Amino acid sequence: MDNKTALYKLKSIEDGMWASVSYPRVFMREGTTGPDRLRIGVPALTLEPILALLELMPEPFILLYVLHTPRGAEPGRYQSPEFTHEQVLACFAEFGEFFMRDSRHDIWIHSFPADNTLVWDRHNVLYAYDLLDAFSSKLKSIGYGNGDINIPFPHTHYYHKEFDGQQETLLEKYDWYRTELMPADIQEREKRTSLQ
């Protein structure tokens, strides 16, 4: 058994002990200061809802890798060149375990033709913008239902040294365009406890 099998990105107190957080298969529609979006629970150690919704989004895509809590790299927003659907799937095939098990990042997938976006955040919550009816139908087809997603409190994020090599490989693999973190990225980072 690989020593990474016990690594999780998020834990909370359950019966007096720290336990991994895994959301039920539910989603909800919520308002924002702009258009509505879907808030989707991502069960621990799965890419299923992300990959399912990606099927509905036309290429080309841009990935935004928001490295807010790096280990041995420069924090920032790393924007990819244009990706095809196949290239996004290849990226998730190679780095999916890192994405699922480590909290040092948020991952955005933006489709240019449809102008819609998926945002998978450090709390293991997925936000979907635009195509809300189609996204809702797709989620129901893979066993999701309507319900609230509550991020447990207290909780802690994990930034595992075991994935430092994956971080390095990811940043070297693509021709990223790096910009500074946004104020919201920094404020969120400062609220958290870093465990390694």
C-alpha atoms as a PDB file:
ATOM      1  CA  MET A   1       0.000   0.000   0.000  1.00  0.00           C
ATOM      2  CA  ASP A   2       1.318   3.423  -0.969  1.00  0.00           C
ATOM      3  CA  ASN A   3       1.973   5.718   2.006  1.00  0.00           C
ATOM      4  CA  LYS A   4      -0.089   8.400   0.215  1.00  0.00           C
ATOM      5  CA  THR A   5      -3.308   6.417   0.720  1.00  0.00           C
ATOM      6  CA  ALA A   6      -3.791   7.922   4.190  1.00  0.00           C
ATOM      7  CA  LEU A   7      -3.368  11.533   3.002  1.00  0.00           C
ATOM      8  CA  TYR A   8      -6.399  13.818   2.826  1.00  0.00           C
ATOM      9  CA  LYS A   9      -6.772  17.503   2.038  1.00  0.00           C
ATOM     10  CA  LEU A  10      -9.316  18.353   4.718  1.00  0.00           C
ATOM     11  CA  LYS A  11     -10.155  16.992   8.168  1.00  0.00           C
ATOM     12  CA  SER A  12     -12.574  17.986  10.904  1.00  0.00           C
ATOM     13  CA  ILE A  13     -13.379  16.896  14.436  1.00  0.00           C
ATOM     14  CA  GLU A  14     -15.690  13.871  14.566  1.00  0.00           C
ATOM     15  CA  ASP A  15     -16.391  12.106  17.864  1.00  0.00           C
ATOM     16  CA  GLY A  16     -13.469  13.929  19.424  1.00  0.00           C
ATOM     17  CA  MET A  17     -10.944  12.902  16.761  1.00  0.00           C
ATOM     18  CA  TRP A  18      -9.694  14.354  13.484  1.00  0.00           C
ATOM     19  CA  ALA A  19     -11.365  12.573  10.574  1.00  0.00           C
ATOM     20  CA  SER A  20     -11.269  13.118   6.819  1.00  0.00           C
ATOM     21  CA  VAL A  21     -14.076  15.238   5.378  1.00  0.00           C
ATOM     22  CA  SER A  22     -16.185  13.620   2.669  1.00  0.00           C
ATOM     23  CA  TYR A  23     -19.303  15.432   1.516  1.00  0.00           C
ATOM     24  CA  PRO A  24     -22.497  13.650   0.550  1.00  0.00           C
ATOM     25  CA  ARG A  25     -23.455  13.618  -3.139  1.00  0.00           C
ATOM     26  CA  VAL A  26     -25.562  16.776  -3.032  1.00  0.00           C
ATOM     27  CA  PHE A  27     -25.625  20.179  -4.701  1.00  0.00           C
ATOM     28  CA  MET A  28     -27.496  23.420  -4.342  1.00  0.00           C
ATOM     29  CA  ARG A  29     -28.147  26.514  -6.400  1.00  0.00           C
ATOM     30  CA  GLU A  30     -27.034  29.710  -4.714  1.00  0.00           C
ATOM     31  CA  GLY A  31     -26.985  33.400  -5.481  1.00  0.00           C
ATOM     32  CA  THR A  32     -23.847  35.504  -5.698  1.00  0.00           C
ATOM     33  CA  THR A  33     -23.222  39.195  -6.288  1.00  0.00           C
ATOM     34  CA  GLY A  34     -23.355  38.198  -9.977  1.00  0.00           C
ATOM     35  CA  PRO A  35     -25.199  35.300 -11.594  1.00  0.00           C
ATOM     36  CA  ASP A  36     -26.324  32.212  -9.701  1.00  0.00           C
ATOM     37  CA  ARG A  37     -24.033  29.211  -9.442  1.00  0.00           C
ATOM     38  CA  LEU A  38     -24.126  25.601  -8.280  1.00  0.00           C
ATOM     39  CA  ARG A  39     -22.369  24.606  -5.054  1.00  0.00           C
ATOM     40  CA  ILE A  40     -21.443  20.930  -5.248  1.00  0.00           C
ATOM     41  CA  GLY A  41     -20.041  18.604  -2.607  1.00  0.00           C
ATOM     42  CA  VAL A  42     -17.071  16.562  -3.793  1.00  0.00           C
ATOM     43  CA  PRO A  43     -16.752  13.296  -1.834  1.00  0.00           C
ATOM     44  CA  ALA A  44     -13.207  12.608  -0.654  1.00  0.00           C
ATOM     45  CA  LEU A  45     -10.819  11.080  -3.176  1.00  0.00           C
ATOM     46  CA  THR A  46     -12.941  11.330  -6.290  1.00  0.00           C
ATOM     47  CA  LEU A  47     -12.822  13.362  -9.480  1.00  0.00           C
ATOM     48  CA  GLU A  48     -16.224  12.164 -10.672  1.00  0.00           C
ATOM     49  CA  PRO A  49     -18.306  15.367 -10.476  1.00  0.00           C
ATOM     50  CA  ILE A  50     -15.537  17.461 -12.062  1.00  0.00           C
ATOM     51  CA  LEU A  51     -15.027  15.059 -14.955  1.00  0.00           C
ATOM     52  CA  ALA A  52     -18.770  14.583 -15.442  1.00  0.00           C
ATOM     53  CA  LEU A  53     -19.448  18.319 -15.787  1.00  0.00           C
ATOM     54  CA  LEU A  54     -16.390  18.756 -17.987  1.00  0.00           C
ATOM     55  CA  GLU A  55     -18.136  16.548 -20.573  1.00  0.00           C
ATOM     56  CA  LEU A  56     -20.712  19.327 -21.098  1.00  0.00           C
ATOM     57  CA  MET A  57     -18.174  22.099 -21.636  1.00  0.00           C
ATOM     58  CA  PRO A  58     -16.797  22.800 -25.130  1.00  0.00           C
ATOM     59  CA  GLU A  59     -13.085  23.235 -25.767  1.00  0.00           C
ATOM     60  CA  PRO A  60     -10.756  25.065 -25.786  1.00  0.00           C
ATOM     61  CA  PHE A  61     -10.162  25.433 -22.054  1.00  0.00           C
ATOM     62  CA  ILE A  62      -7.895  27.451 -19.832  1.00  0.00           C
ATOM     63  CA  LEU A  63      -6.791  26.035 -16.479  1.00  0.00           C
ATOM     64  CA  LEU A  64      -6.056  28.393 -13.621  1.00  0.00           C
ATOM     65  CA  TYR A  65      -3.945  26.765 -10.926  1.00  0.00           C
ATOM     66  CA  VAL A  66      -4.176  28.973  -7.822  1.00  0.00           C
ATOM     67  CA  LEU A  67      -1.214  28.032  -5.646  1.00  0.00           C
ATOM     68  CA  HIS A  68      -2.038  29.872  -2.439  1.00  0.00           C
ATOM     69  CA  THR A  69      -0.025  27.780   0.040  1.00  0.00           C
ATOM     70  CA  PRO A  70       3.049  26.495  -1.790  1.00  0.00           C
ATOM     71  CA  ARG A  71       5.818  24.358  -0.443  1.00  0.00           C
ATOM     72  CA  GLY A  72       9.076  25.399  -2.102  1.00  0.00           C
ATOM     73  CA  ALA A  73       7.507  27.291  -5.010  1.00  0.00           C
ATOM     74  CA  GLU A  74       6.271  30.796  -5.686  1.00  0.00           C
ATOM     75  CA  PRO A  75       2.638  31.433  -4.759  1.00  0.00           C
ATOM     76  CA  GLY A  76       0.468  32.826  -7.496  1.00  0.00           C
ATOM     77  CA  ARG A  77      -2.188  32.273 -10.116  1.00  0.00           C
ATOM     78  CA  TYR A  78      -0.810  30.060 -12.865  1.00  0.00           C
ATOM     79  CA  GLN A  79      -2.769  30.280 -16.113  1.00  0.00           C
ATOM     80  CA  SER A  80      -2.283  27.553 -18.695  1.00  0.00           C
ATOM     81  CA  PRO A  81      -2.178  27.886 -22.462  1.00  0.00           C
ATOM     82  CA  GLU A  82      -5.296  26.681 -24.282  1.00  0.00           C
ATOM     83  CA  PHE A  83      -6.098  23.030 -23.621  1.00  0.00           C
ATOM     84  CA  THR A  84      -8.223  20.580 -25.549  1.00  0.00           C
ATOM     85  CA  HIS A  85     -10.647  18.332 -23.706  1.00  0.00           C
ATOM     86  CA  GLU A  86      -8.148  15.501 -24.061  1.00  0.00           C
ATOM     87  CA  GLN A  87      -5.351  17.598 -22.541  1.00  0.00           C
ATOM     88  CA  VAL A  88      -7.488  18.514 -19.517  1.00  0.00           C
ATOM     89  CA  LEU A  89      -8.276  14.839 -18.969  1.00  0.00           C
ATOM     90  CA  ALA A  90      -4.574  13.985 -19.287  1.00  0.00           C
ATOM     91  CA  CYS A  91      -3.704  16.638 -16.697  1.00  0.00           C
ATOM     92  CA  PHE A  92      -6.259  15.247 -14.254  1.00  0.00           C
ATOM     93  CA  ALA A  93      -5.103  11.689 -14.922  1.00  0.00           C
ATOM     94  CA  GLU A  94      -1.513  12.638 -14.076  1.00  0.00           C
ATOM     95  CA  PHE A  95      -2.138  15.019 -11.178  1.00  0.00           C
ATOM     96  CA  GLY A  96      -5.562  13.934  -9.924  1.00  0.00           C
ATOM     97  CA  GLU A  97      -4.273  12.286  -6.756  1.00  0.00           C
ATOM     98  CA  PHE A  98      -2.374  15.473  -5.874  1.00  0.00           C
ATOM     99  CA  PHE A  99      -5.469  17.588  -6.553  1.00  0.00           C
ATOM    100  CA  MET A 100      -7.676  15.277  -4.447  1.00  0.00           C
ATOM    101  CA  ARG A 101      -5.397  14.853  -1.446  1.00  0.00           C
ATOM    102  CA  ASP A 102      -3.709  18.234  -0.948  1.00  0.00           C
ATOM    103  CA  SER A 103      -5.114  21.661  -0.013  1.00  0.00           C
ATOM    104  CA  ARG A 104      -2.366  23.950  -1.254  1.00  0.00           C
ATOM    105  CA  HIS A 105      -4.360  24.955  -4.339  1.00  0.00           C
ATOM    106  CA  ASP A 106      -7.661  25.783  -6.003  1.00  0.00           C
ATOM    107  CA  ILE A 107      -8.254  24.686  -9.598  1.00  0.00           C
ATOM    108  CA  TRP A 108     -10.345  26.556 -12.170  1.00  0.00           C
ATOM    109  CA  ILE A 109     -11.431  25.191 -15.557  1.00  0.00           C
ATOM    110  CA  HIS A 110     -12.792  27.783 -17.978  1.00  0.00           C
ATOM    111  CA  SER A 111     -14.422  27.037 -21.336  1.00  0.00           C
ATOM    112  CA  PHE A 112     -14.043  29.879 -23.816  1.00  0.00           C
ATOM    113  CA  PRO A 113     -16.867  29.022 -26.251  1.00  0.00           C
ATOM    114  CA  ALA A 114     -19.491  28.615 -23.519  1.00  0.00           C
ATOM    115  CA  ASP A 115     -17.928  31.188 -21.167  1.00  0.00           C
ATOM    116  CA  ASN A 116     -18.529  28.860 -18.230  1.00  0.00           C
ATOM    117  CA  THR A 117     -16.294  27.867 -15.375  1.00  0.00           C
ATOM    118  CA  LEU A 118     -15.749  25.171 -12.762  1.00  0.00           C
ATOM    119  CA  VAL A 119     -13.896  26.131  -9.571  1.00  0.00           C
ATOM    120  CA  TRP A 120     -12.699  23.306  -7.309  1.00  0.00           C
ATOM    121  CA  ASP A 121     -11.595  24.911  -4.074  1.00  0.00           C
ATOM    122  CA  ARG A 122      -9.387  23.978  -1.117  1.00  0.00           C
ATOM    123  CA  HIS A 123     -12.457  22.923   0.900  1.00  0.00           C
ATOM    124  CA  ASN A 124     -13.248  20.222  -1.687  1.00  0.00           C
ATOM    125  CA  VAL A 125     -16.317  22.138  -2.846  1.00  0.00           C
ATOM    126  CA  LEU A 126     -16.962  22.552  -6.567  1.00  0.00           C
ATOM    127  CA  TYR A 127     -18.623  25.687  -7.948  1.00  0.00           C
ATOM    128  CA  ALA A 128     -20.184  25.639 -11.416  1.00  0.00           C
ATOM    129  CA  TYR A 129     -21.067  28.796 -13.343  1.00  0.00           C
ATOM    130  CA  ASP A 130     -23.414  29.036 -16.331  1.00  0.00           C
ATOM    131  CA  LEU A 131     -25.109  25.974 -17.913  1.00  0.00           C
ATOM    132  CA  LEU A 132     -26.762  25.457 -14.523  1.00  0.00           C
ATOM    133  CA  ASP A 133     -29.736  23.451 -15.806  1.00  0.00           C
ATOM    134  CA  ALA A 134     -27.516  21.151 -17.870  1.00  0.00           C
ATOM    135  CA  PHE A 135     -25.061  20.789 -14.991  1.00  0.00           C
ATOM    136  CA  SER A 136     -27.924  19.984 -12.584  1.00  0.00           C
ATOM    137  CA  SER A 137     -29.255  17.270 -14.891  1.00  0.00           C
ATOM    138  CA  LYS A 138     -25.802  15.769 -15.285  1.00  0.00           C
ATOM    139  CA  LEU A 139     -25.244  15.692 -11.533  1.00  0.00           C
ATOM    140  CA  LYS A 140     -28.588  13.950 -11.003  1.00  0.00           C
ATOM    141  CA  SER A 141     -27.627  11.380 -13.651  1.00  0.00           C
ATOM    142  CA  ILE A 142     -24.584  10.372 -11.568  1.00  0.00           C
ATOM    143  CA  GLY A 143     -26.526  10.079  -8.320  1.00  0.00           C
ATOM    144  CA  TYR A 144     -26.504  13.588  -6.894  1.00  0.00           C
ATOM    145  CA  GLY A 145     -29.527  15.143  -5.227  1.00  0.00           C
ATOM    146  CA  ASN A 146     -30.439  18.551  -3.895  1.00  0.00           C
ATOM    147  CA  GLY A 147     -29.057  19.433  -0.474  1.00  0.00           C
ATOM    148  CA  ASP A 148     -26.894  21.799   1.548  1.00  0.00           C
ATOM    149  CA  ILE A 149     -23.116  21.576   1.571  1.00  0.00           C
ATOM    150  CA  ASN A 150     -21.785  22.692   4.922  1.00  0.00           C
ATOM    151  CA  ILE A 151     -18.047  23.063   5.411  1.00  0.00           C
ATOM    152  CA  PRO A 152     -17.407  21.670   8.910  1.00  0.00           C
ATOM    153  CA  PHE A 153     -15.979  23.863  11.633  1.00  0.00           C
ATOM    154  CA  PRO A 154     -13.439  23.544  13.033  1.00  0.00           C
ATOM    155  CA  HIS A 155     -11.471  22.028  10.195  1.00  0.00           C
ATOM    156  CA  THR A 156      -7.870  21.929   9.070  1.00  0.00           C
ATOM    157  CA  HIS A 157      -6.157  21.831   5.695  1.00  0.00           C
ATOM    158  CA  TYR A 158      -3.204  19.626   4.861  1.00  0.00           C
ATOM    159  CA  TYR A 159      -0.222  20.437   2.640  1.00  0.00           C
ATOM    160  CA  HIS A 160       1.633  17.154   2.352  1.00  0.00           C
ATOM    161  CA  LYS A 161       5.376  17.030   1.702  1.00  0.00           C
ATOM    162  CA  GLU A 162       4.739  13.782  -0.185  1.00  0.00           C
ATOM    163  CA  PHE A 163       3.248  15.850  -3.021  1.00  0.00           C
ATOM    164  CA  ASP A 164       6.028  18.428  -3.327  1.00  0.00           C
ATOM    165  CA  GLY A 165       7.402  16.537  -6.343  1.00  0.00           C
ATOM    166  CA  GLN A 166       3.993  16.621  -8.028  1.00  0.00           C
ATOM    167  CA  GLN A 167       3.792  20.375  -7.450  1.00  0.00           C
ATOM    168  CA  GLU A 168       7.201  20.821  -9.070  1.00  0.00           C
ATOM    169  CA  THR A 169       6.325  18.579 -12.009  1.00  0.00           C
ATOM    170  CA  LEU A 170       3.007  20.353 -12.588  1.00  0.00           C
ATOM    171  CA  LEU A 171       4.616  23.807 -12.613  1.00  0.00           C
ATOM    172  CA  GLU A 172       7.340  22.653 -15.008  1.00  0.00           C
ATOM    173  CA  LYS A 173       5.073  20.700 -17.367  1.00  0.00           C
ATOM    174  CA  TYR A 174       3.053  23.548 -18.882  1.00  0.00           C
ATOM    175  CA  ASP A 175       3.846  27.023 -20.168  1.00  0.00           C
ATOM    176  CA  TRP A 176       2.080  28.827 -17.314  1.00  0.00           C
ATOM    177  CA  TYR A 177       1.513  32.588 -17.192  1.00  0.00           C
ATOM    178  CA  ARG A 178       1.907  33.552 -13.544  1.00  0.00           C
ATOM    179  CA  THR A 179       0.245  36.519 -11.814  1.00  0.00           C
ATOM    180  CA  GLU A 180       0.107  37.479  -8.149  1.00  0.00           C
ATOM    181  CA  LEU A 181      -2.529  36.061  -5.834  1.00  0.00           C
ATOM    182  CA  MET A 182      -5.705  38.098  -5.501  1.00  0.00           C
ATOM    183  CA  PRO A 183      -6.552  39.626  -2.089  1.00  0.00           C
ATOM    184  CA  ALA A 184      -9.254  36.983  -1.509  1.00  0.00           C
ATOM    185  CA  ASP A 185      -6.689  34.206  -2.022  1.00  0.00           C
ATOM    186  CA  ILE A 186      -4.378  35.744   0.579  1.00  0.00           C
ATOM    187  CA  GLN A 187      -7.133  36.475   3.111  1.00  0.00           C
ATOM    188  CA  GLU A 188      -8.370  32.890   2.919  1.00  0.00           C
ATOM    189  CA  ARG A 189      -4.834  31.545   3.302  1.00  0.00           C
ATOM    190  CA  GLU A 190      -4.237  33.639   6.426  1.00  0.00           C
ATOM    191  CA  LYS A 191      -7.321  32.172   8.137  1.00  0.00           C
ATOM    192  CA  ARG A 192      -6.036  28.602   7.987  1.00  0.00           C
ATOM    193  CA  THR A 193      -3.726  26.481  10.050  1.00  0.00           C
ATOM    194  CA  SER A 194      -0.958  24.861   8.016  1.00  0.00           C
ATOM    195  CA  LEU A 195      -0.261  21.205   8.803  1.00  0.00           C
ATOM    196  CA  GLN A 196       2.448  19.343   6.930  1.00  0.00           C
END
